Amino acid sequence: MSDTRRISFPPVVDAETRLLILGSLPGDASLKAAQYYAHPRNGFWPLIGGVLGEDLVSLTYEQRLARLLARGVGLWDVIASAERAGSLDAAIRSPEAADLRGLVAGLPQLRAIGFNGGLSARMGRRVLAPLNGVALIDLPSSSPAHVRPLVEKARAWAVLKSAFD
C-alpha cells in the first residue's frame, strides 16, 4: 500500500498568523495541483472569503495565499502523511500526526484554530487541547463529500470572525 502514501503540504503561516485553519490531509485534486483546497467543489475559498469579507475565489492560488497571510490567516493539516486510496477522510490509514504543538509555539499572535471537519477536530484536539489563550473551533467540513448547503456551512464558519476582534 506504499503507493497510496499521501504527504501534506508545508504550513502557510507567518509570525502575524492570528487564525489557523487545520484540515485533515489534502485530497487527490489538491495533491495533483499542489494547492490547498484545489477541488473545484470544495467550499473552502468561498467560506474563508466570507469570514474575511473578500472574494478570494476570483484570485490566483498565489494571490489567495498572500491575502490569507496579509489578513493573519494560516493553513495546515493535522496529518503529516497517511495511507489513503482516494480523497475521503474515512479511507485514511496509518496517519502520522503533524507537529501542531511545534507550529503553534512559533505563532505568537495566534488567537484561534479552526478545525475544518470532524477528523481534523478529533485529531487536532487530541494534540492541542487545552491550549491557553487560543480558541479551538470545530467547523463543518468544506469538502463536497460533507453534504450540507454552503450557506449553512458559512453560518457556522462565521464564528471565526472573533479571531479578529
Protein backbone atom coordinates (compact mmCIF):
# COMPACT_ATOMS: atom_id res chain seq x y z
CA MET A 1 0.00 0.00 0.00
CA SER A 2 3.04 2.28 -0.07
CA ASP A 3 1.94 3.78 -3.41
CA THR A 4 -1.06 5.32 -1.62
CA ARG A 5 1.01 7.22 0.97
CA ARG A 6 -0.12 10.84 0.88
CA ILE A 7 2.02 13.67 2.25
CA SER A 8 0.64 17.01 3.37
CA PHE A 9 1.90 20.41 2.26
CA PRO A 10 4.07 22.70 4.39
CA PRO A 11 2.20 25.14 6.63
CA VAL A 12 1.23 28.54 5.25
CA VAL A 13 1.85 30.80 8.26
CA ASP A 14 3.94 33.70 9.45
CA ALA A 15 4.59 35.48 12.75
CA GLU A 16 1.37 37.52 12.30
CA THR A 17 -0.95 34.50 11.99
CA ARG A 18 -3.95 35.04 14.29
CA LEU A 19 -6.23 32.33 12.89
CA LEU A 20 -5.01 28.89 11.84
CA ILE A 21 -7.27 26.63 9.77
CA LEU A 22 -6.38 22.96 10.07
CA GLY A 23 -7.67 20.40 7.59
CA SER A 24 -7.06 16.67 7.76
CA LEU A 25 -4.95 15.78 4.69
CA PRO A 26 -5.11 17.17 1.13
CA GLY A 27 -7.29 15.21 -1.27
CA ASP A 28 -6.19 13.90 -4.64
CA ALA A 29 -7.17 17.06 -6.58
CA SER A 30 -5.19 19.22 -4.15
CA LEU A 31 -2.17 16.92 -4.22
CA LYS A 32 -2.20 16.85 -8.03
CA ALA A 33 -2.43 20.66 -8.21
CA ALA A 34 -0.03 21.14 -5.25
CA GLN A 35 -2.58 23.56 -3.77
CA TYR A 36 -4.65 23.58 -0.61
CA TYR A 37 -8.38 23.08 -1.35
CA ALA A 38 -7.96 22.72 -5.13
CA HIS A 39 -11.08 20.61 -5.78
CA PRO A 40 -13.48 22.94 -7.65
CA ARG A 41 -16.44 21.89 -5.48
CA ASN A 42 -14.62 22.31 -2.17
CA GLY A 43 -16.20 25.27 -0.38
CA PHE A 44 -13.08 26.40 1.49
CA TRP A 45 -12.26 29.50 -0.57
CA PRO A 46 -15.81 30.91 -0.55
CA LEU A 47 -16.13 30.08 3.17
CA ILE A 48 -12.91 31.73 4.32
CA GLY A 49 -13.56 34.59 1.88
CA GLY A 50 -16.91 35.12 3.62
CA VAL A 51 -15.19 35.23 7.00
CA LEU A 52 -12.75 37.85 5.70
CA GLY A 53 -15.33 39.76 3.63
CA GLU A 54 -13.25 39.25 0.48
CA ASP A 55 -13.73 37.49 -2.86
CA LEU A 56 -10.87 35.00 -2.81
CA VAL A 57 -12.37 32.69 -5.44
CA SER A 58 -11.53 35.03 -8.33
CA LEU A 59 -7.86 35.26 -7.32
CA THR A 60 -5.00 33.01 -8.38
CA TYR A 61 -3.82 30.48 -5.81
CA GLU A 62 -0.72 32.54 -5.02
CA GLN A 63 -2.88 35.66 -4.56
CA ARG A 64 -5.23 33.72 -2.27
CA LEU A 65 -2.37 32.63 -0.03
CA ALA A 66 -0.96 36.16 0.03
CA ARG A 67 -4.37 37.57 1.04
CA LEU A 68 -4.74 34.98 3.82
CA LEU A 69 -1.33 35.82 5.24
CA ALA A 70 -1.99 39.56 4.92
CA ARG A 71 -5.18 39.08 6.95
CA GLY A 72 -3.49 36.90 9.60
CA VAL A 73 -4.86 33.53 8.43
CA GLY A 74 -2.72 30.41 8.18
CA LEU A 75 -3.33 26.93 6.75
CA TRP A 76 -2.07 23.47 7.57
CA ASP A 77 -3.23 19.92 8.21
CA VAL A 78 -3.35 17.74 11.32
CA ILE A 79 -1.91 14.77 9.40
CA ALA A 80 1.62 14.97 8.00
CA SER A 81 1.22 11.77 6.00
CA ALA A 82 -1.04 8.74 5.78
CA GLU A 83 -2.03 5.78 3.64
CA ARG A 84 -5.15 6.63 1.66
CA ALA A 85 -6.71 5.49 -1.59
CA GLY A 86 -8.86 8.32 -2.92
CA SER A 87 -9.71 11.52 -1.09
CA LEU A 88 -12.12 10.58 1.68
CA ASP A 89 -11.07 11.01 5.31
CA ALA A 90 -12.73 7.68 6.08
CA ALA A 91 -10.09 5.97 3.90
CA ILE A 92 -7.14 7.34 5.90
CA ARG A 93 -4.97 4.63 7.46
CA SER A 94 -1.74 4.80 9.50
CA PRO A 95 -1.79 8.58 9.94
CA GLU A 96 1.36 10.35 11.08
CA ALA A 97 0.45 13.47 13.04
CA ALA A 98 1.80 16.85 12.02
CA ASP A 99 3.86 18.75 14.61
CA LEU A 100 0.98 21.01 15.64
CA ARG A 101 2.46 21.91 19.04
CA GLY A 102 5.73 22.91 17.38
CA LEU A 103 3.95 25.07 14.82
CA VAL A 104 1.69 26.75 17.36
CA ALA A 105 4.67 27.52 19.62
CA GLY A 106 6.05 29.69 16.81
CA LEU A 107 2.87 31.72 16.30
CA PRO A 108 2.88 34.46 18.95
CA GLN A 109 -0.25 36.23 17.64
CA LEU A 110 -2.40 33.09 17.39
CA ARG A 111 -5.90 33.61 18.82
CA ALA A 112 -7.94 30.77 17.28
CA ILE A 113 -7.64 27.45 15.49
CA GLY A 114 -10.46 26.32 13.23
CA PHE A 115 -10.71 22.60 12.54
CA ASN A 116 -12.05 22.03 9.03
CA GLY A 117 -14.09 18.86 9.56
CA GLY A 118 -14.59 16.12 12.12
CA LEU A 119 -11.35 14.18 11.66
CA SER A 120 -9.31 17.37 11.87
CA ALA A 121 -11.12 18.33 15.09
CA ARG A 122 -10.70 14.90 16.72
CA MET A 123 -7.01 14.59 15.90
CA GLY A 124 -6.18 18.25 16.46
CA ARG A 125 -7.90 18.47 19.83
CA ARG A 126 -6.09 15.33 20.98
CA VAL A 127 -2.76 17.08 20.36
CA LEU A 128 -3.63 20.69 21.23
CA ALA A 129 -6.29 20.74 23.95
CA PRO A 130 -6.05 22.57 26.22
CA LEU A 131 -4.26 25.50 24.62
CA ASN A 132 -4.14 28.59 26.81
CA GLY A 133 -5.41 31.75 25.18
CA VAL A 134 -6.28 30.08 21.87
CA ALA A 135 -9.87 29.18 20.98
CA LEU A 136 -10.33 25.75 19.39
CA ILE A 137 -13.28 25.86 16.98
CA ASP A 138 -14.87 22.85 15.26
CA LEU A 139 -16.20 23.66 11.78
CA PRO A 140 -18.27 21.71 9.29
CA SER A 141 -16.03 20.34 6.57
CA SER A 142 -15.65 22.44 3.45
CA SER A 143 -15.39 19.19 1.46
CA PRO A 144 -18.07 18.43 -1.14
CA ALA A 145 -18.29 14.98 0.48
CA HIS A 146 -19.77 16.70 3.55
CA VAL A 147 -23.24 17.23 2.11
CA ARG A 148 -24.63 20.37 3.67
CA PRO A 149 -25.59 23.61 1.90
CA LEU A 150 -22.73 26.10 1.65
CA VAL A 151 -24.93 28.79 3.24
CA GLU A 152 -25.29 26.60 6.37
CA LYS A 153 -21.56 25.99 6.47
CA ALA A 154 -20.98 29.74 6.08
CA ARG A 155 -23.11 30.46 9.16
CA ALA A 156 -21.00 28.04 11.19
CA TRP A 157 -17.73 29.40 9.80
CA ALA A 158 -18.74 32.99 10.66
CA VAL A 159 -17.66 32.33 14.27
CA LEU A 160 -14.07 32.62 13.02
CA LYS A 161 -14.52 36.37 12.75
CA SER A 162 -13.97 36.50 16.51
CA ALA A 163 -10.25 35.82 15.93
CA PHE A 164 -10.00 39.34 14.55
CA ASP A 165 -11.82 41.20 17.36
